[in-house]
N, C-alpha and C. Protein backbone atom coordinates (compact mmCIF):
# COMPACT_ATOMS: atom_id res chain seq x y z
N MET A 1 37.75 97.18 154.62
CA MET A 1 37.37 96.13 153.58
C MET A 1 36.00 96.55 152.47
N ALA A 2 36.21 96.28 151.52
CA ALA A 2 34.87 96.80 150.58
C ALA A 2 33.72 95.93 150.87
N GLY A 3 32.45 96.54 151.17
CA GLY A 3 31.22 95.61 151.36
C GLY A 3 30.98 94.47 150.00
N LYS A 4 30.24 93.62 150.45
CA LYS A 4 29.95 92.84 149.42
C LYS A 4 29.22 93.55 148.29
N ASN A 5 28.37 94.59 148.40
CA ASN A 5 27.45 95.16 147.38
C ASN A 5 28.38 96.58 147.03
N SER A 6 29.76 96.50 147.31
CA SER A 6 30.35 97.83 146.52
C SER A 6 30.69 97.16 145.05
N LYS A 7 30.45 98.20 144.36
CA LYS A 7 31.04 98.14 142.98
C LYS A 7 32.46 98.09 142.65
N LYS A 8 32.76 97.31 141.58
CA LYS A 8 34.19 97.62 141.05
C LYS A 8 34.23 98.77 140.06
N ARG A 9 35.21 99.65 140.22
CA ARG A 9 35.29 100.87 139.48
C ARG A 9 35.87 100.47 138.09
N PRO A 10 34.68 100.92 137.00
CA PRO A 10 35.04 100.49 135.54
C PRO A 10 36.57 100.69 135.09
N ASP A 11 37.13 99.98 134.12
CA ASP A 11 38.42 100.29 133.70
C ASP A 11 38.48 101.15 132.23
N HIS A 12 37.25 101.61 131.79
CA HIS A 12 37.13 102.08 130.67
C HIS A 12 35.65 103.11 130.75
N ILE A 13 35.36 103.74 129.57
CA ILE A 13 34.38 104.38 129.42
C ILE A 13 33.89 104.19 127.91
N THR A 14 33.07 104.20 127.40
CA THR A 14 32.61 104.49 126.19
C THR A 14 32.06 105.72 125.50
N ALA A 15 32.86 106.15 124.62
CA ALA A 15 33.10 107.48 124.30
C ALA A 15 32.56 107.70 122.68
N PHE A 16 31.13 108.26 122.07
CA PHE A 16 31.05 108.35 120.92
C PHE A 16 31.34 107.02 120.20
N GLY A 17 31.06 105.75 120.71
CA GLY A 17 31.30 104.60 120.15
C GLY A 17 32.60 104.03 120.29
N VAL A 18 33.77 104.93 120.93
CA VAL A 18 34.92 104.57 121.11
C VAL A 18 35.01 103.75 122.62
N LYS A 19 35.75 102.68 122.55
CA LYS A 19 36.12 102.44 123.92
C LYS A 19 37.43 102.90 124.35
N VAL A 20 37.48 103.78 125.34
CA VAL A 20 38.68 104.43 125.99
C VAL A 20 38.83 103.84 127.33
N LEU A 21 40.29 103.03 127.45
CA LEU A 21 40.86 102.55 128.53
C LEU A 21 41.13 103.47 129.39
N ASN A 22 41.07 103.13 130.74
CA ASN A 22 41.80 104.35 131.85
C ASN A 22 43.04 103.45 132.81
N SER A 23 43.45 104.18 133.63
CA SER A 23 44.57 103.87 134.37
C SER A 23 44.10 102.72 135.21
N ARG A 24 42.91 102.22 135.37
CA ARG A 24 42.71 101.12 136.17
C ARG A 24 42.62 99.78 135.24
N ASN A 25 42.62 100.03 133.87
CA ASN A 25 42.77 98.81 132.86
C ASN A 25 44.10 97.93 133.10
N LYS A 26 44.07 96.65 133.40
CA LYS A 26 45.31 96.06 133.77
C LYS A 26 46.19 96.06 132.52
N ASP A 27 45.84 96.37 130.97
CA ASP A 27 46.64 96.43 129.83
C ASP A 27 47.54 97.86 130.06
N ILE A 28 46.69 98.82 130.44
CA ILE A 28 47.35 99.89 130.60
C ILE A 28 48.21 100.03 131.70
N ARG A 29 47.85 99.48 132.78
CA ARG A 29 48.99 99.50 133.88
C ARG A 29 50.05 98.63 133.42
N LYS A 30 50.26 97.42 132.82
CA LYS A 30 51.34 96.80 132.23
C LYS A 30 52.29 97.87 131.42
N LEU A 31 51.53 98.58 130.39
CA LEU A 31 52.33 99.40 129.46
C LEU A 31 52.78 100.43 130.28
N ARG A 32 52.57 101.07 131.24
CA ARG A 32 52.96 102.12 132.01
C ARG A 32 54.47 101.80 132.70
N LYS A 33 54.54 100.37 132.96
CA LYS A 33 55.97 99.71 133.43
C LYS A 33 56.71 99.54 132.42
N VAL A 34 56.58 99.56 131.24
CA VAL A 34 57.40 99.39 130.24
C VAL A 34 57.63 100.57 129.49
N PHE A 35 56.49 101.56 129.09
CA PHE A 35 56.62 102.60 128.18
C PHE A 35 56.20 103.45 128.81
N PRO A 36 56.86 104.08 129.75
CA PRO A 36 56.40 105.82 130.08
C PRO A 36 56.58 106.65 129.07
N PRO A 37 55.46 107.31 128.59
CA PRO A 37 55.53 108.53 127.63
C PRO A 37 56.10 109.82 128.25
N ALA A 38 57.06 110.26 127.33
CA ALA A 38 57.79 111.56 127.88
C ALA A 38 57.11 112.95 127.61
N ILE A 39 56.08 112.90 126.67
CA ILE A 39 55.43 114.31 126.34
C ILE A 39 54.21 114.23 126.59
N HIS A 40 53.85 114.02 127.92
CA HIS A 40 52.20 114.08 128.04
C HIS A 40 51.51 112.83 127.32
N GLY A 41 51.84 111.78 126.75
CA GLY A 41 50.98 111.06 126.47
C GLY A 41 50.44 109.87 127.36
N THR A 42 50.27 110.18 128.64
CA THR A 42 49.79 109.42 129.79
C THR A 42 48.58 109.17 129.95
N LYS A 43 47.35 109.78 128.94
CA LYS A 43 46.17 109.71 129.17
C LYS A 43 45.41 110.22 127.86
N CYS A 44 44.03 110.27 127.89
CA CYS A 44 43.41 110.57 126.78
C CYS A 44 42.86 112.16 127.20
N TRP A 45 43.38 112.92 126.55
CA TRP A 45 42.91 114.57 127.01
C TRP A 45 41.83 115.08 126.42
N LYS A 46 41.19 115.70 127.10
CA LYS A 46 39.41 115.97 126.83
C LYS A 46 39.07 116.48 125.36
N SER A 47 40.11 117.50 125.11
CA SER A 47 39.70 118.11 123.71
C SER A 47 39.67 116.90 122.66
N SER A 48 40.02 115.90 122.92
CA SER A 48 39.54 114.73 121.73
C SER A 48 38.27 114.60 121.56
N TYR A 49 37.47 114.46 123.00
CA TYR A 49 36.09 114.50 123.00
C TYR A 49 35.37 115.58 122.28
N LEU A 50 35.95 116.71 122.30
CA LEU A 50 35.18 117.99 121.55
C LEU A 50 35.30 117.55 119.94
N ILE A 51 36.39 117.15 119.65
CA ILE A 51 36.69 116.63 118.24
C ILE A 51 35.86 115.88 117.62
N MET A 52 35.48 114.90 118.53
CA MET A 52 34.43 113.92 118.38
C MET A 52 33.17 114.46 118.23
N ASP A 53 32.77 115.26 119.06
CA ASP A 53 31.26 115.63 119.51
C ASP A 53 31.11 116.62 118.04
N TYR A 54 32.11 117.38 117.35
CA TYR A 54 31.99 118.39 116.41
C TYR A 54 31.92 117.46 115.33
N LEU A 55 32.71 116.49 114.94
CA LEU A 55 32.68 115.78 113.66
C LEU A 55 31.57 114.84 113.62
N ARG A 56 30.68 114.58 114.80
CA ARG A 56 29.61 113.70 114.78
C ARG A 56 28.52 114.47 114.27
N GLU A 57 28.51 115.69 114.51
CA GLU A 57 27.70 116.62 114.16
C GLU A 57 27.56 117.28 112.74
N ASN A 58 28.80 117.50 112.30
CA ASN A 58 29.20 118.27 110.77
C ASN A 58 29.84 117.04 110.05
N GLY A 59 30.19 116.09 110.39
CA GLY A 59 30.87 115.16 109.61
C GLY A 59 32.34 115.37 109.06
N LEU A 60 32.75 114.62 108.07
CA LEU A 60 34.27 114.59 107.60
C LEU A 60 34.21 115.26 106.35
N PRO A 61 35.13 115.89 106.04
CA PRO A 61 35.43 116.80 104.59
C PRO A 61 35.30 115.59 103.52
N LYS A 62 34.63 115.93 102.37
CA LYS A 62 34.83 114.91 101.44
C LYS A 62 36.11 114.67 101.05
N GLY A 63 36.72 113.31 101.11
CA GLY A 63 38.05 113.16 100.43
C GLY A 63 38.24 113.09 98.92
N LYS A 64 39.48 113.11 98.59
CA LYS A 64 39.77 113.04 97.02
C LYS A 64 39.69 111.63 96.58
N LYS A 65 39.65 110.55 97.66
CA LYS A 65 39.33 109.41 97.17
C LYS A 65 38.08 108.67 97.70
N LYS A 66 37.92 107.49 97.77
CA LYS A 66 36.38 106.89 98.26
C LYS A 66 36.66 107.27 99.73
N LYS A 67 37.78 107.21 100.40
CA LYS A 67 37.53 107.11 101.95
C LYS A 67 38.24 108.53 102.34
N CYS A 68 37.78 109.02 103.40
CA CYS A 68 38.30 110.57 103.98
C CYS A 68 39.88 109.91 104.50
N ARG A 69 40.99 110.64 104.47
CA ARG A 69 42.28 110.16 104.91
C ARG A 69 42.49 111.16 105.90
N VAL A 70 42.69 110.86 107.04
CA VAL A 70 42.63 111.26 108.29
C VAL A 70 44.08 111.32 109.04
N MET A 71 44.76 112.38 109.08
CA MET A 71 45.90 112.40 110.10
C MET A 71 45.80 113.04 111.11
N GLU A 72 45.97 112.33 112.67
CA GLU A 72 46.05 112.90 113.87
C GLU A 72 47.43 113.11 114.37
N VAL A 73 47.66 114.52 114.58
CA VAL A 73 49.07 114.78 114.75
C VAL A 73 49.20 115.20 116.60
N GLY A 74 50.36 114.78 117.06
CA GLY A 74 50.35 114.49 118.56
C GLY A 74 49.37 113.70 118.95
N CYS A 75 49.05 112.65 118.24
CA CYS A 75 48.15 111.62 118.19
C CYS A 75 48.12 111.06 119.90
N GLY A 76 48.86 110.73 120.57
CA GLY A 76 48.90 110.37 121.73
C GLY A 76 48.18 108.89 121.66
N TRP A 77 47.19 108.83 122.22
CA TRP A 77 46.30 107.32 122.55
C TRP A 77 45.37 107.05 120.75
N GLY A 78 45.40 108.19 120.33
CA GLY A 78 44.55 108.18 118.91
C GLY A 78 43.29 108.24 118.91
N LEU A 79 42.39 108.73 119.89
CA LEU A 79 41.19 108.34 119.90
C LEU A 79 40.16 108.98 119.14
N ALA A 80 40.67 110.38 118.32
CA ALA A 80 39.96 111.09 117.68
C ALA A 80 40.11 110.21 116.29
N SER A 81 41.10 109.95 115.82
CA SER A 81 41.16 109.33 114.59
C SER A 81 40.52 107.88 114.60
N ILE A 82 40.53 107.21 115.83
CA ILE A 82 39.72 105.81 115.92
C ILE A 82 38.63 105.96 115.63
N PHE A 83 37.79 107.19 116.20
CA PHE A 83 36.42 107.76 116.24
C PHE A 83 36.41 107.83 114.85
N CYS A 84 37.07 108.50 113.91
CA CYS A 84 37.02 108.87 112.52
C CYS A 84 36.59 107.32 111.95
N ALA A 85 37.47 106.42 112.12
CA ALA A 85 37.52 105.23 111.54
C ALA A 85 36.29 104.48 111.84
N LYS A 86 35.74 104.34 113.17
CA LYS A 86 34.69 103.43 113.34
C LYS A 86 33.32 104.13 113.00
N GLU A 87 33.60 105.54 112.85
CA GLU A 87 32.12 106.41 112.80
C GLU A 87 31.72 106.40 111.15
N PHE A 88 33.12 106.57 110.92
CA PHE A 88 32.68 107.09 109.12
C PHE A 88 33.73 106.35 108.36
N GLY A 89 34.16 105.14 108.43
CA GLY A 89 35.15 104.41 107.85
C GLY A 89 36.43 104.95 107.21
N ALA A 90 37.01 105.96 107.96
CA ALA A 90 38.04 106.97 107.36
C ALA A 90 39.29 106.02 107.34
N LYS A 91 40.23 106.18 106.67
CA LYS A 91 41.74 105.76 106.70
C LYS A 91 42.34 106.66 107.44
N VAL A 92 42.98 106.03 108.59
CA VAL A 92 43.40 106.89 109.57
C VAL A 92 45.03 106.67 109.84
N THR A 93 45.84 107.74 110.29
CA THR A 93 47.08 107.77 110.12
C THR A 93 47.33 108.58 111.73
N GLY A 94 48.11 107.96 112.70
CA GLY A 94 48.31 108.69 113.86
C GLY A 94 50.13 109.13 113.72
N THR A 95 50.38 110.36 114.04
CA THR A 95 51.87 110.59 114.06
C THR A 95 51.88 111.56 115.38
N ASP A 96 53.27 111.44 116.13
CA ASP A 96 53.76 111.70 117.56
C ASP A 96 55.03 112.05 117.52
N ALA A 97 55.62 112.93 118.07
CA ALA A 97 56.99 112.91 118.33
C ALA A 97 57.50 112.07 119.48
N ASP A 98 56.76 111.20 120.16
CA ASP A 98 57.14 110.34 121.27
C ASP A 98 56.67 108.82 120.87
N GLU A 99 57.59 107.97 120.50
CA GLU A 99 57.10 106.97 120.08
C GLU A 99 56.58 105.96 121.30
N MET A 100 56.83 106.55 122.36
CA MET A 100 56.53 105.84 123.36
C MET A 100 55.06 105.60 123.62
N VAL A 101 54.15 106.48 122.88
CA VAL A 101 52.63 106.34 123.06
C VAL A 101 52.19 105.46 122.11
N PHE A 102 52.86 104.90 121.38
CA PHE A 102 52.48 103.99 120.26
C PHE A 102 51.94 102.60 120.89
N PRO A 103 52.81 101.99 121.71
CA PRO A 103 51.90 100.76 122.57
C PRO A 103 50.64 101.12 122.95
N TYR A 104 50.06 102.47 123.38
CA TYR A 104 48.97 102.86 124.02
C TYR A 104 47.91 102.75 122.82
N LEU A 105 48.76 103.52 121.83
CA LEU A 105 47.84 103.53 120.54
C LEU A 105 47.20 102.23 119.91
N ASP A 106 48.16 101.36 119.81
CA ASP A 106 48.16 100.25 119.38
C ASP A 106 47.25 99.36 120.16
N LEU A 107 47.11 99.46 121.44
CA LEU A 107 46.21 98.94 122.33
C LEU A 107 44.84 99.36 121.94
N HIS A 108 44.46 100.60 121.74
CA HIS A 108 43.21 101.15 121.53
C HIS A 108 42.73 100.95 120.34
N THR A 109 43.53 100.87 119.41
CA THR A 109 43.02 100.54 117.87
C THR A 109 42.77 98.83 118.03
N SER A 110 43.34 98.07 118.68
CA SER A 110 43.18 96.83 118.91
C SER A 110 41.89 96.42 119.60
N THR A 111 41.86 97.27 120.61
CA THR A 111 40.53 97.30 121.37
C THR A 111 39.24 97.52 120.42
N ASN A 112 39.43 98.66 119.90
CA ASN A 112 38.33 99.11 119.09
C ASN A 112 38.31 98.44 117.41
N GLY A 113 38.84 97.43 117.18
CA GLY A 113 38.93 96.54 116.11
C GLY A 113 39.14 97.13 114.83
N ILE A 114 40.07 98.44 114.69
CA ILE A 114 40.25 99.19 113.43
C ILE A 114 41.87 99.30 113.22
N LYS A 115 42.32 99.31 112.23
CA LYS A 115 43.64 99.54 111.96
C LYS A 115 44.19 101.07 111.80
N MET A 116 45.20 101.35 112.04
CA MET A 116 45.87 102.83 111.84
C MET A 116 47.14 102.41 111.44
N GLN A 117 47.63 103.28 110.73
CA GLN A 117 49.02 103.60 110.49
C GLN A 117 49.67 104.68 111.32
N ARG A 118 51.05 104.32 111.71
CA ARG A 118 51.23 105.33 112.52
C ARG A 118 52.96 105.34 112.51
N TYR A 119 53.63 106.54 112.63
CA TYR A 119 54.99 106.80 112.66
C TYR A 119 55.32 108.31 113.51
N ALA A 120 56.52 108.38 113.76
CA ALA A 120 56.90 109.07 114.80
C ALA A 120 57.37 110.76 113.91
N ALA A 121 56.72 111.89 114.36
CA ALA A 121 57.24 113.06 113.42
C ALA A 121 56.60 114.08 114.54
N LYS A 122 57.47 115.36 114.32
CA LYS A 122 57.18 116.48 114.91
C LYS A 122 56.51 117.30 113.84
N PHE A 123 55.59 118.24 114.44
CA PHE A 123 54.75 119.07 113.62
C PHE A 123 55.55 119.58 112.40
N GLN A 124 56.76 120.26 112.74
CA GLN A 124 57.22 120.99 111.74
C GLN A 124 58.13 120.14 110.49
N ASP A 125 58.18 118.88 111.00
CA ASP A 125 58.81 117.79 109.84
C ASP A 125 57.88 117.35 109.18
N LEU A 126 56.52 117.35 109.28
CA LEU A 126 55.63 117.05 108.20
C LEU A 126 55.82 118.00 106.92
N THR A 127 56.05 117.31 105.76
CA THR A 127 56.30 118.05 104.59
C THR A 127 55.00 118.53 103.74
N VAL A 128 54.88 119.25 102.99
CA VAL A 128 53.73 119.30 101.95
C VAL A 128 53.30 118.22 101.24
N THR A 129 54.65 117.34 100.89
CA THR A 129 54.30 116.11 100.07
C THR A 129 53.76 115.09 100.83
N GLU A 130 53.97 115.09 102.25
CA GLU A 130 53.52 114.09 103.00
C GLU A 130 51.75 114.53 103.24
N LEU A 131 51.83 115.75 103.48
CA LEU A 131 50.35 116.04 104.15
C LEU A 131 49.42 116.28 102.84
N SER A 132 49.81 116.05 101.73
CA SER A 132 48.96 116.11 100.38
C SER A 132 48.34 114.81 100.38
N GLU A 133 48.94 113.81 101.30
CA GLU A 133 47.94 112.53 101.09
C GLU A 133 46.96 112.41 101.85
N PHE A 134 46.48 113.47 102.63
CA PHE A 134 45.44 113.66 103.63
C PHE A 134 44.30 114.44 102.95
N ASP A 135 43.10 114.22 104.02
CA ASP A 135 42.12 115.30 103.51
C ASP A 135 41.76 116.14 104.78
N LEU A 136 42.12 115.49 105.95
CA LEU A 136 41.66 115.97 107.47
C LEU A 136 42.66 115.83 108.03
N ILE A 137 43.13 117.03 108.92
CA ILE A 137 44.13 116.84 110.02
C ILE A 137 43.59 117.21 111.25
N LEU A 138 43.75 116.37 112.41
CA LEU A 138 43.16 116.61 113.58
C LEU A 138 44.42 116.97 114.62
N ALA A 139 43.98 117.46 115.58
CA ALA A 139 45.11 117.72 116.70
C ALA A 139 44.25 118.20 118.04
N ALA A 140 44.55 117.53 119.13
CA ALA A 140 44.05 117.62 120.44
C ALA A 140 44.92 118.06 121.55
N ASP A 141 44.95 119.15 122.24
CA ASP A 141 45.74 119.44 123.19
C ASP A 141 47.08 119.53 122.84
N VAL A 142 47.83 120.15 121.85
CA VAL A 142 48.91 119.79 121.41
C VAL A 142 49.41 121.25 121.72
N CYS A 143 48.78 122.54 121.73
CA CYS A 143 49.23 123.56 121.76
C CYS A 143 49.30 124.45 123.21
N PHE A 144 50.09 123.81 124.05
CA PHE A 144 50.29 124.30 125.43
C PHE A 144 51.50 124.74 125.91
N TRP A 145 52.52 124.92 124.88
CA TRP A 145 53.58 125.85 125.46
C TRP A 145 53.68 127.03 124.37
N ASP A 146 54.28 128.03 124.55
CA ASP A 146 54.64 129.11 123.35
C ASP A 146 55.52 128.77 122.27
N LYS A 147 56.48 127.78 122.77
CA LYS A 147 57.19 127.46 121.74
C LYS A 147 56.58 126.48 120.53
N LEU A 148 55.30 126.00 121.03
CA LEU A 148 54.76 124.90 119.95
C LEU A 148 53.85 126.04 118.92
N VAL A 149 53.61 127.07 119.32
CA VAL A 149 53.11 127.97 118.27
C VAL A 149 53.60 127.99 116.95
N LYS A 150 54.83 128.36 116.78
CA LYS A 150 55.62 128.13 115.43
C LYS A 150 55.87 127.18 114.86
N PRO A 151 55.92 125.72 115.39
CA PRO A 151 55.94 124.79 114.27
C PRO A 151 54.30 124.24 114.17
N LEU A 152 53.22 124.65 114.96
CA LEU A 152 52.00 124.40 114.50
C LEU A 152 51.56 125.19 113.40
N TRP A 153 52.05 126.43 113.57
CA TRP A 153 51.73 127.42 112.44
C TRP A 153 52.24 126.94 111.13
N LYS A 154 53.43 126.58 111.46
CA LYS A 154 54.10 125.90 110.00
C LYS A 154 53.20 124.60 109.49
N LEU A 155 52.71 123.87 110.45
CA LEU A 155 51.84 122.59 109.82
C LEU A 155 50.60 123.15 109.25
N VAL A 156 49.99 124.03 109.76
CA VAL A 156 48.72 124.42 109.31
C VAL A 156 49.01 125.25 107.72
N ARG A 157 50.13 125.95 107.89
CA ARG A 157 50.50 126.57 106.07
C ARG A 157 50.73 125.56 105.23
N ASN A 158 51.61 124.52 105.76
CA ASN A 158 52.22 123.31 104.94
C ASN A 158 50.78 122.43 104.39
N ALA A 159 49.62 122.33 105.54
CA ALA A 159 48.63 121.49 105.07
C ALA A 159 47.71 122.28 104.09
N MET A 160 47.72 123.62 104.10
CA MET A 160 46.61 124.41 103.19
C MET A 160 47.40 124.42 102.05
N ASP A 161 49.20 124.68 101.63
CA ASP A 161 49.62 124.51 100.72
C ASP A 161 49.42 122.91 99.85
N ALA A 162 49.39 122.03 100.96
CA ALA A 162 49.37 120.65 100.20
C ALA A 162 47.96 120.10 99.62
N GLY A 163 46.67 121.22 99.97
CA GLY A 163 45.40 120.97 99.52
C GLY A 163 44.59 120.03 100.65
N VAL A 164 45.04 120.04 101.88
CA VAL A 164 44.41 119.55 102.87
C VAL A 164 43.03 119.97 102.87
N GLN A 165 41.86 119.37 103.18
CA GLN A 165 40.50 120.13 102.82
C GLN A 165 40.05 120.71 104.31
N GLN A 166 40.71 120.30 105.56
CA GLN A 166 40.42 120.67 106.86
C GLN A 166 41.40 120.40 107.64
N VAL A 167 41.56 121.39 108.77
CA VAL A 167 42.53 121.20 109.76
C VAL A 167 41.67 121.53 110.98
N ILE A 168 41.74 120.91 112.22
CA ILE A 168 40.81 120.89 113.15
C ILE A 168 41.96 120.92 114.71
N ILE A 169 42.15 121.94 115.21
CA ILE A 169 42.75 122.00 116.32
C ILE A 169 42.10 122.09 117.61
N ALA A 170 42.06 121.20 118.59
CA ALA A 170 41.31 121.48 119.56
C ALA A 170 42.09 121.96 120.98
N ASP A 171 41.63 122.87 121.89
CA ASP A 171 42.41 123.06 123.25
C ASP A 171 41.22 123.69 124.23
N PRO A 172 41.61 123.88 125.23
CA PRO A 172 40.84 124.34 126.60
C PRO A 172 40.93 125.84 126.36
N GLY A 173 41.73 126.42 125.59
CA GLY A 173 41.81 127.95 125.56
C GLY A 173 43.09 128.45 125.99
N ARG A 174 44.07 127.84 125.96
CA ARG A 174 45.48 128.49 126.69
C ARG A 174 45.95 129.57 125.19
N GLU A 175 46.72 130.21 126.21
CA GLU A 175 47.01 131.41 125.27
C GLU A 175 47.73 131.17 124.08
N PRO A 176 49.02 130.10 124.28
CA PRO A 176 49.53 129.63 122.84
C PRO A 176 48.73 128.93 121.73
N PHE A 177 47.41 128.37 122.17
CA PHE A 177 46.62 128.05 121.26
C PHE A 177 45.75 129.31 120.75
N GLU A 178 45.55 130.12 121.67
CA GLU A 178 44.63 131.48 120.94
C GLU A 178 45.64 132.40 120.05
N THR A 179 46.97 132.43 120.50
CA THR A 179 47.75 132.99 119.55
C THR A 179 47.67 132.41 118.12
N MET A 180 47.91 131.05 118.19
CA MET A 180 48.00 130.12 116.72
C MET A 180 46.65 130.39 115.93
N THR A 181 45.57 130.41 117.06
CA THR A 181 44.43 130.79 116.32
C THR A 181 44.18 132.03 115.40
N ARG A 182 44.36 132.99 116.42
CA ARG A 182 44.53 134.43 115.68
C ARG A 182 45.23 134.51 114.12
N LYS A 183 46.41 133.68 114.05
CA LYS A 183 47.26 133.54 113.14
C LYS A 183 46.44 132.89 111.96
N CYS A 184 45.56 131.82 112.32
CA CYS A 184 44.69 131.06 111.23
C CYS A 184 43.58 131.82 110.68
N ILE A 185 43.10 132.93 111.76
CA ILE A 185 42.00 133.41 111.29
C ILE A 185 42.31 134.55 110.53
N LYS A 186 43.32 135.13 110.61
CA LYS A 186 43.97 136.17 109.69
C LYS A 186 44.45 135.90 108.41
N LYS A 187 45.21 134.57 108.36
CA LYS A 187 45.49 134.19 107.27
C LYS A 187 44.71 133.40 106.30
N PHE A 188 43.94 132.35 106.95
CA PHE A 188 43.03 131.55 106.21
C PHE A 188 41.39 131.69 106.61
N ASP A 189 41.05 132.71 107.27
CA ASP A 189 39.69 133.03 107.81
C ASP A 189 38.99 131.87 108.60
N ALA A 190 40.07 131.18 109.27
CA ALA A 190 39.66 130.39 110.46
C ALA A 190 38.13 130.61 111.13
N GLN A 191 37.86 129.60 111.56
CA GLN A 191 36.46 129.80 112.73
C GLN A 191 37.34 129.40 114.08
N ARG A 192 36.85 130.16 115.04
CA ARG A 192 37.29 129.75 116.51
C ARG A 192 36.19 129.36 117.02
N ILE A 193 35.56 128.20 117.22
CA ILE A 193 34.30 127.61 117.78
C ILE A 193 34.48 127.12 119.21
N GLU A 194 33.75 127.94 120.02
CA GLU A 194 33.17 127.53 121.58
C GLU A 194 32.66 126.18 121.84
N ARG A 195 33.12 125.20 122.23
CA ARG A 195 32.38 123.84 122.54
C ARG A 195 32.18 123.20 123.93
N GLU A 196 31.23 122.93 124.38
CA GLU A 196 30.99 122.11 125.44
C GLU A 196 30.33 121.13 125.44
N ILE A 197 30.73 119.77 126.13
CA ILE A 197 29.90 118.73 126.49
C ILE A 197 29.70 118.17 127.65
N ASP A 198 28.60 117.56 128.00
CA ASP A 198 28.42 117.19 129.48
C ASP A 198 28.67 115.47 129.54
N ASP A 199 28.44 114.99 128.23
CA ASP A 199 28.26 113.24 128.11
C ASP A 199 29.13 112.82 126.93
N PRO A 200 30.06 111.87 126.99
CA PRO A 200 30.04 111.06 128.11
C PRO A 200 31.05 111.59 129.36
N VAL A 201 31.63 112.65 128.88
CA VAL A 201 32.59 113.30 130.05
C VAL A 201 32.38 114.66 129.98
N LYS A 202 32.58 115.56 130.75
CA LYS A 202 32.49 116.91 130.71
C LYS A 202 33.69 117.50 130.19
N ALA A 203 33.32 118.18 128.96
CA ALA A 203 34.87 118.71 128.56
C ALA A 203 34.15 120.03 127.86
N TYR A 204 35.16 121.04 127.95
CA TYR A 204 34.85 122.46 127.37
C TYR A 204 36.09 123.11 126.99
N GLY A 205 35.91 123.77 125.73
CA GLY A 205 37.38 124.49 125.27
C GLY A 205 36.71 125.04 123.76
N PHE A 206 37.60 125.04 123.03
CA PHE A 206 37.57 125.54 121.65
C PHE A 206 38.05 124.72 120.41
N LEU A 207 37.75 125.15 119.42
CA LEU A 207 38.10 124.53 118.07
C LEU A 207 38.67 125.58 117.00
N CYS A 208 39.89 125.45 116.52
CA CYS A 208 40.34 126.11 115.62
C CYS A 208 39.99 125.40 114.26
N VAL A 209 39.17 125.97 113.72
CA VAL A 209 38.87 124.87 112.26
C VAL A 209 39.17 125.80 110.93
N VAL A 210 39.97 125.34 110.33
CA VAL A 210 40.67 125.86 109.02
C VAL A 210 40.05 124.98 107.72
N ASP A 211 39.49 125.62 106.90
CA ASP A 211 38.81 125.12 105.73
C ASP A 211 39.58 125.46 104.57
N LYS A 212 39.78 124.55 103.82
CA LYS A 212 40.63 125.12 102.34
C LYS A 212 39.95 126.06 101.62
């Protein structure tokens, strides 16, 4: 039996101004009983925090309209784009191949008091026309299999053809990500940026930053 002075473990953290719920949260537990994600959308992956830290330091690219328009692909719980909306007032959209993650996305947008459009789409299905509506494309922990290199590479090429100002893809440094990053460096003179944070969580990895 827990002692009288024992502390209840928190059901969330606050990271870069974003409230991030965890598996102890009652609403997350309820969702998991009804909406089990099929493609790794079971939690917030740490590369999202690396993107937030980078954007807090460097800001968002200047949008073609008053607000920077951000799309997070493979968005999962959507924390990087939620950060963009809260910190910079960006207009944000989340896409994911697994529609079962959207209840978790909706819970986090509601918890953080922001609005986000979202729809189901695979990387390779995002057309130049669709991507032309955005200034910044974000992706965290999405290049974990060899078979994902080709569709992500197509996404980056389409984004550049569409006039997207910046694409940022974050990863712990797995080989599929490194392969894709080398392609971006060769074709678009992209940057491979090593990044590490200790607070609010420990995270280490790399960013592939492609600028128009």
